[in-house]
């Protein structure tokens, strides 16, 4: 059917992690997210994947968390959750930006 192609990333497949872009951001933006969400990353120092797991456990970064991550990454902090997330993804080369 034609509907099948629509819902990409909807099912909970192990491979397709909707938050797979967190780790490539590096520790600084991830720590900024944790701070915004009141999460302790104590002991994770520069371990991006551990901090990313922490955020995943909370269901992903909140709007304030995304704003702080953008600030830490030197990106604009305005916009909706989806826009901020897309901006961060693009900064690590995972965004679906049409422009070359």
Protein backbone atom coordinates (compact mmCIF):
# COMPACT_ATOMS: atom_id res chain seq x y z
CA UNK A 1 0.00 0.00 0.00
CA UNK A 2 0.95 3.64 -0.28
CA UNK A 3 0.54 4.39 3.42
CA UNK A 4 3.51 2.23 4.31
CA UNK A 5 6.11 4.73 3.17
CA UNK A 6 4.69 7.51 5.29
CA UNK A 7 5.40 6.62 8.91
CA UNK A 8 9.16 6.40 8.98
CA UNK A 9 10.65 6.21 12.46
CA UNK A 10 7.27 5.56 14.05
CA UNK A 11 7.78 1.95 15.00
CA UNK A 12 10.15 1.18 17.83
CA UNK A 13 12.89 -0.48 15.84
CA UNK A 14 16.23 -1.00 17.52
CA UNK A 15 18.21 0.37 14.58
CA UNK A 16 16.32 3.58 13.98
CA UNK A 17 17.09 5.69 17.02
CA UNK A 18 15.33 9.04 16.64
CA UNK A 19 17.88 10.47 19.07
CA UNK A 20 20.94 9.04 17.33
CA UNK A 21 22.04 12.62 16.59
CA UNK A 22 22.64 13.38 20.27
CA UNK A 23 26.00 11.67 20.55
CA UNK A 24 27.68 13.39 17.58
CA UNK A 25 26.88 16.75 19.16
CA UNK A 26 29.59 16.09 21.69
CA UNK A 27 29.65 16.59 25.46
CA UNK A 28 29.16 20.35 25.63
CA UNK A 29 25.68 20.64 24.08
CA UNK A 30 24.65 17.42 25.82
CA UNK A 31 25.70 18.77 29.22
CA UNK A 32 23.78 21.95 28.45
CA UNK A 33 20.70 19.81 27.80
CA UNK A 34 21.17 17.95 31.08
CA UNK A 35 21.51 21.20 32.97
CA UNK A 36 18.31 22.52 31.44
CA UNK A 37 16.49 19.33 32.44
CA UNK A 38 17.96 19.15 35.92
CA UNK A 39 19.80 15.93 35.13
CA UNK A 40 23.09 15.13 36.78
CA UNK A 41 25.83 14.12 34.35
CA UNK A 42 28.28 13.86 37.21
CA UNK A 43 30.92 11.27 36.43
CA UNK A 44 30.31 11.34 32.70
CA UNK A 45 32.81 14.14 32.09
CA UNK A 46 33.35 13.96 28.33
CA UNK A 47 31.43 10.76 27.62
CA UNK A 48 28.94 11.90 24.98
CA UNK A 49 27.30 8.50 24.56
CA UNK A 50 26.68 8.13 28.30
CA UNK A 51 25.15 11.60 28.49
CA UNK A 52 23.07 10.85 25.39
CA UNK A 53 21.77 7.68 27.07
CA UNK A 54 20.78 9.77 30.07
CA UNK A 55 18.73 12.05 27.82
CA UNK A 56 17.22 9.11 25.97
CA UNK A 57 16.10 7.69 29.29
CA UNK A 58 14.10 10.86 29.80
CA UNK A 59 12.48 10.55 26.40
CA UNK A 60 14.79 13.01 24.74
CA UNK A 61 15.62 16.67 25.25
CA UNK A 62 12.90 19.15 26.18
CA UNK A 63 12.40 22.50 24.45
CA UNK A 64 14.57 24.39 27.00
CA UNK A 65 17.17 21.65 26.70
CA UNK A 66 17.30 22.02 22.93
CA UNK A 67 17.62 25.77 23.29
CA UNK A 68 20.57 25.39 25.64
CA UNK A 69 22.20 22.85 23.34
CA UNK A 70 21.87 25.25 20.42
CA UNK A 71 23.40 28.00 22.52
CA UNK A 72 26.29 25.74 23.50
CA UNK A 73 26.80 24.80 19.85
CA UNK A 74 26.70 28.42 18.74
CA UNK A 75 23.43 28.00 16.85
CA UNK A 76 20.34 30.25 16.85
CA UNK A 77 18.08 29.46 19.80
CA UNK A 78 14.77 30.62 18.36
CA UNK A 79 12.09 28.34 17.00
CA UNK A 80 9.97 25.33 17.86
CA UNK A 81 11.23 22.03 19.21
CA UNK A 82 11.36 20.48 15.74
CA UNK A 83 13.28 23.44 14.32
CA UNK A 84 15.84 23.36 17.11
CA UNK A 85 16.28 19.62 16.77
CA UNK A 86 16.67 19.92 13.01
CA UNK A 87 19.26 22.66 13.46
CA UNK A 88 21.28 20.49 15.83
CA UNK A 89 21.01 17.49 13.51
CA UNK A 90 22.24 19.56 10.61
CA UNK A 91 25.15 20.81 12.67
CA UNK A 92 26.42 17.24 12.95
CA UNK A 93 25.63 16.43 9.33
CA UNK A 94 22.49 14.38 9.96
CA UNK A 95 19.87 16.89 8.96
CA UNK A 96 17.74 16.60 5.87
CA UNK A 97 18.71 20.00 4.60
CA UNK A 98 17.89 20.36 0.93
CA UNK A 99 20.45 23.07 0.31
CA UNK A 100 23.90 21.78 -0.57
